[in-house]
Amino acid sequence: MNALTLHYHPLSSCCHKVLIALDVLGIEFDKRLLNLGDPDERAAHLALCPTGKMPLLMDGPRAVPETSIIIEYLQRHHAAPGRTLIPAAPDAALEVRLWDRLFDLYVMTPMQALTADLLRPESERDARAVAQARDGLASAYAFIERQLEGRTWVAGEAFSMADCAAAPALFYAMAYVPLPPRQVHLASYVERLMAHPSVALTIEQARPYFKFFPGRSGLSRSYFDPAAA
C-alpha cells in the first residue's frame, strides 16, 4: 500500500488534471473511487475536505485539496528525480501558474457549467447561462490560439502543470464547442496534448465512463461511439 491515496472519480476533469500530473512526475499512489451520491461516503469526504470537491490527495493523515495545490505539493515532496511540472526559474513558474489558472477559470469552468445544465431537469435549464458559457469558451479558444503561436506547449517548450490543466478542460469543452477551423495553432496543440503519453493513459482509463458524460454526443468517435455504448 502506498502512502499517497487519491480520492477521485475517473470521469472528472479535475481528477484527470491530477492523474496526468501523477504520471508525469513518476509517482506511485493508490486510488479511492468517490461516490458522492452516497450520503455516508459524502459525509466522510466532507470531514476531510469541507468544500466537498474532488480530487483530494491524502498523504498519510494529511489532506491536500485543490488541483493546482496538489500538483505543487506532489512536485515538492514526491516527484521522481528529474521530473518537474513547474520550472525553478521564478518568471517561468509564474507563466505556468498563470496558464494553469486561465485554463481552470476560462475553459474548465464554462465547460462544467454546460455539463451542469444538462444534468438539470429540462424545465430548469438556463438558456442564457448556456449561451454565456459557450461564448466564454469561444473567447478562451481565441486567446489560447494567440498564446500558442510558435510554442510547443502552452507555457513554453516543456510540458507543465498548465498543460495538465489544459488537457481535460479542452477535451470536454470541445464536446460542447468545437474548435473553429481557423484556430490552427490550438488544433495542433490539442493533437499534441492527446498524444502525450500521460494524457493518453488518463483518457484511456476514463473511456469506460464516457457513456455517463452528459455531453458525450459531442465527443470524438475515436473516444466514444454511441452505437457501442
Protein backbone atom coordinates (compact mmCIF):
# COMPACT_ATOMS: atom_id res chain seq x y z
CA MET A 1 0.00 0.00 0.00
CA ASN A 2 1.32 3.43 -0.97
CA ALA A 3 1.47 6.40 1.39
CA LEU A 4 -0.40 8.51 -1.17
CA THR A 5 -4.07 7.98 -1.95
CA LEU A 6 -6.06 9.98 -4.48
CA HIS A 7 -9.78 10.25 -3.78
CA TYR A 8 -11.22 10.68 -7.25
CA HIS A 9 -13.68 9.77 -9.98
CA PRO A 10 -12.37 8.63 -13.39
CA LEU A 11 -14.81 10.84 -15.33
CA SER A 12 -13.91 14.08 -13.53
CA SER A 13 -11.94 16.66 -15.50
CA CYS A 14 -10.36 17.99 -12.29
CA CYS A 15 -9.27 14.48 -11.37
CA HIS A 16 -7.80 14.00 -14.84
CA LYS A 17 -5.61 17.05 -14.28
CA VAL A 18 -4.03 15.47 -11.21
CA LEU A 19 -3.86 11.96 -12.70
CA ILE A 20 -1.86 13.35 -15.63
CA ALA A 21 0.49 15.09 -13.21
CA LEU A 22 0.99 11.97 -11.11
CA ASP A 23 2.03 10.02 -14.18
CA VAL A 24 4.35 12.74 -15.50
CA LEU A 25 6.02 13.05 -12.09
CA GLY A 26 6.51 9.28 -11.84
CA ILE A 27 4.66 8.91 -8.54
CA GLU A 28 3.14 5.69 -7.24
CA PHE A 29 -0.18 6.09 -5.48
CA ASP A 30 -3.41 4.34 -4.62
CA LYS A 31 -6.82 5.35 -5.94
CA ARG A 32 -10.03 5.57 -3.96
CA LEU A 33 -13.17 5.91 -6.05
CA LEU A 34 -15.53 8.52 -4.63
CA ASN A 35 -19.29 8.14 -4.79
CA LEU A 36 -20.56 11.47 -3.53
CA GLY A 37 -24.11 10.35 -4.17
CA ASP A 38 -23.84 8.05 -1.17
CA PRO A 39 -24.72 10.06 2.00
CA ASP A 40 -22.25 8.25 4.27
CA GLU A 41 -19.42 8.50 1.78
CA ARG A 42 -20.18 12.16 1.18
CA ALA A 43 -20.15 12.87 4.92
CA ALA A 44 -16.80 11.11 5.29
CA HIS A 45 -15.38 13.12 2.38
CA LEU A 46 -16.67 16.40 3.82
CA ALA A 47 -14.91 15.61 7.08
CA LEU A 48 -11.64 15.53 5.14
CA CYS A 49 -12.44 18.28 2.63
CA PRO A 50 -15.03 20.86 3.76
CA THR A 51 -15.66 22.07 0.19
CA GLY A 52 -16.69 18.55 -0.81
CA LYS A 53 -14.71 18.80 -4.04
CA MET A 54 -12.62 16.17 -5.75
CA PRO A 55 -9.91 15.15 -6.20
CA LEU A 56 -8.44 15.03 -2.73
CA LEU A 57 -4.91 13.79 -2.09
CA MET A 58 -4.21 12.03 1.19
CA ASP A 59 -0.56 11.80 2.19
CA GLY A 60 -0.89 9.61 5.25
CA PRO A 61 -3.12 11.66 7.56
CA ARG A 62 -2.54 14.91 5.66
CA ALA A 63 -5.32 16.05 3.32
CA VAL A 64 -4.26 18.13 0.31
CA PRO A 65 -7.17 19.66 -1.69
CA GLU A 66 -7.39 21.73 -4.90
CA THR A 67 -5.77 20.53 -8.10
CA SER A 68 -3.04 23.13 -8.52
CA ILE A 69 -2.02 22.85 -4.86
CA ILE A 70 -1.98 19.05 -5.14
CA ILE A 71 0.35 19.21 -8.13
CA GLU A 72 2.71 21.68 -6.45
CA TYR A 73 2.70 19.51 -3.32
CA LEU A 74 3.45 16.38 -5.35
CA GLN A 75 6.35 18.03 -7.15
CA ARG A 76 7.81 19.35 -3.91
CA HIS A 77 7.53 16.16 -1.87
CA HIS A 78 7.12 13.11 -4.10
CA ALA A 79 8.31 13.63 -7.69
CA ALA A 80 10.80 11.18 -9.12
CA PRO A 81 14.29 12.65 -9.67
CA GLY A 82 14.41 14.96 -12.65
CA ARG A 83 10.61 15.08 -13.06
CA THR A 84 9.02 18.52 -12.94
CA LEU A 85 5.85 20.35 -13.97
CA ILE A 86 6.69 23.78 -12.52
CA PRO A 87 10.06 25.24 -13.51
CA ALA A 88 12.52 26.50 -10.92
CA ALA A 89 13.00 29.88 -12.62
CA PRO A 90 10.57 32.31 -10.92
CA ASP A 91 9.28 34.06 -14.04
CA ALA A 92 8.84 30.78 -15.92
CA ALA A 93 7.00 29.36 -12.90
CA LEU A 94 4.66 32.37 -12.90
CA GLU A 95 3.88 31.77 -16.58
CA VAL A 96 2.96 28.16 -15.83
CA ARG A 97 0.78 29.16 -12.87
CA LEU A 98 -0.92 31.88 -14.94
CA TRP A 99 -1.91 29.48 -17.71
CA ASP A 100 -2.94 26.85 -15.22
CA ARG A 101 -5.39 29.36 -13.74
CA LEU A 102 -6.57 30.56 -17.15
CA PHE A 103 -7.48 27.04 -18.23
CA ASP A 104 -9.22 26.29 -14.94
CA LEU A 105 -11.20 29.53 -14.92
CA TYR A 106 -11.94 30.17 -18.58
CA VAL A 107 -12.13 26.68 -20.10
CA MET A 108 -12.84 24.24 -17.28
CA THR A 109 -15.42 26.44 -15.54
CA PRO A 110 -17.69 27.17 -18.54
CA MET A 111 -17.36 23.54 -19.64
CA GLN A 112 -18.56 22.43 -16.21
CA ALA A 113 -21.43 24.93 -16.39
CA LEU A 114 -22.59 23.34 -19.65
CA THR A 115 -22.35 19.90 -18.07
CA ALA A 116 -24.29 21.03 -15.01
CA ASP A 117 -27.06 22.46 -17.17
CA LEU A 118 -27.55 19.11 -18.90
CA LEU A 119 -27.88 17.42 -15.53
CA ARG A 120 -30.85 19.61 -14.60
CA PRO A 121 -34.45 18.74 -15.46
CA GLU A 122 -35.29 20.27 -18.83
CA SER A 123 -37.72 22.70 -17.22
CA GLU A 124 -34.90 24.14 -15.07
CA ARG A 125 -32.31 24.63 -17.77
CA ASP A 126 -30.92 28.12 -18.29
CA ALA A 127 -30.57 29.07 -21.95
CA ARG A 128 -28.92 32.40 -21.13
CA ALA A 129 -26.27 30.79 -18.92
CA VAL A 130 -25.62 28.17 -21.60
CA ALA A 131 -25.12 30.87 -24.23
CA GLN A 132 -22.74 32.75 -21.93
CA ALA A 133 -20.72 29.59 -21.27
CA ARG A 134 -20.47 28.86 -24.99
CA ASP A 135 -19.39 32.45 -25.71
CA GLY A 136 -16.86 32.18 -22.89
CA LEU A 137 -15.32 29.08 -24.43
CA ALA A 138 -15.13 30.71 -27.85
CA SER A 139 -13.34 33.71 -26.31
CA ALA A 140 -10.95 31.41 -24.43
CA TYR A 141 -10.11 29.50 -27.60
CA ALA A 142 -9.19 32.79 -29.28
CA PHE A 143 -6.73 33.94 -26.62
CA ILE A 144 -5.22 30.46 -26.30
CA GLU A 145 -4.71 30.41 -30.08
CA ARG A 146 -2.68 33.63 -29.84
CA GLN A 147 -0.58 32.24 -26.98
CA LEU A 148 0.30 29.06 -28.87
CA GLU A 149 1.82 30.67 -31.94
CA GLY A 150 5.42 29.45 -32.10
CA ARG A 151 5.08 27.29 -28.97
CA THR A 152 5.07 23.54 -28.44
CA TRP A 153 3.35 23.67 -25.06
CA VAL A 154 1.22 26.45 -23.66
CA ALA A 155 3.77 27.92 -21.24
CA GLY A 156 6.95 27.15 -23.15
CA GLU A 157 8.83 24.20 -24.62
CA ALA A 158 8.34 21.86 -21.64
CA PHE A 159 5.09 20.09 -20.73
CA SER A 160 3.95 21.70 -17.48
CA MET A 161 1.17 21.98 -14.92
CA ALA A 162 -0.56 24.36 -17.35
CA ASP A 163 -0.80 21.54 -19.90
CA CYS A 164 -2.15 19.20 -17.21
CA ALA A 165 -4.97 21.73 -16.75
CA ALA A 166 -5.44 22.25 -20.49
CA ALA A 167 -5.85 18.60 -21.48
CA PRO A 168 -9.07 17.64 -19.65
CA ALA A 169 -10.53 21.13 -19.93
CA LEU A 170 -10.19 21.19 -23.71
CA PHE A 171 -11.09 17.51 -24.15
CA TYR A 172 -14.51 18.00 -22.57
CA ALA A 173 -15.05 21.61 -23.72
CA MET A 174 -14.69 20.63 -27.38
CA ALA A 175 -17.63 18.26 -26.95
CA TYR A 176 -19.78 21.37 -26.47
CA VAL A 177 -17.98 23.99 -28.56
CA PRO A 178 -15.77 22.54 -31.34
CA LEU A 179 -12.64 24.42 -32.34
CA PRO A 180 -13.14 26.86 -35.24
CA PRO A 181 -11.20 25.76 -38.37
CA ARG A 182 -9.15 28.96 -38.35
CA GLN A 183 -7.57 28.19 -34.97
CA VAL A 184 -4.80 26.03 -36.38
CA HIS A 185 -2.32 26.53 -33.52
CA LEU A 186 -4.87 25.41 -30.95
CA ALA A 187 -5.88 22.44 -33.08
CA SER A 188 -2.24 21.31 -33.39
CA TYR A 189 -1.76 21.79 -29.66
CA VAL A 190 -4.78 19.61 -28.89
CA GLU A 191 -3.30 16.88 -31.10
CA ARG A 192 -0.02 17.07 -29.17
CA LEU A 193 -1.89 17.02 -25.87
CA MET A 194 -3.95 13.97 -26.74
CA ALA A 195 -0.83 12.14 -27.95
CA HIS A 196 1.15 12.87 -24.78
CA PRO A 197 1.61 9.51 -23.00
CA SER A 198 0.27 10.67 -19.63
CA VAL A 199 -2.77 12.35 -21.20
CA ALA A 200 -3.47 9.37 -23.45
CA LEU A 201 -3.25 7.00 -20.46
CA THR A 202 -5.66 9.08 -18.40
CA ILE A 203 -8.20 9.31 -21.21
CA GLU A 204 -7.94 5.61 -21.93
CA GLN A 205 -8.60 4.77 -18.28
CA ALA A 206 -11.68 7.04 -18.38
CA ARG A 207 -13.04 5.57 -21.61
CA PRO A 208 -15.48 3.10 -19.93
CA TYR A 209 -17.12 6.03 -18.13
CA PHE A 210 -17.66 8.33 -21.13
CA LYS A 211 -21.14 6.85 -21.63
CA PHE A 212 -22.09 8.71 -18.43
CA PHE A 213 -20.74 12.10 -19.57
CA PRO A 214 -23.73 14.40 -20.25
CA GLY A 215 -22.03 15.89 -23.33
CA ARG A 216 -20.97 12.50 -24.73
CA SER A 217 -22.72 13.08 -28.07
CA GLY A 218 -20.10 15.73 -28.87
CA LEU A 219 -17.06 13.58 -28.09
CA SER A 220 -14.90 12.43 -30.96
CA ARG A 221 -15.94 8.98 -32.20
CA SER A 222 -12.35 7.86 -31.56
CA TYR A 223 -13.15 8.19 -27.86
CA PHE A 224 -16.84 7.40 -27.66
CA ASP A 225 -19.07 5.53 -30.08
CA PRO A 226 -22.75 5.83 -29.16
CA ALA A 227 -23.54 2.68 -31.10
CA ALA A 228 -21.16 0.67 -28.92
CA ALA A 229 -22.27 2.19 -25.60
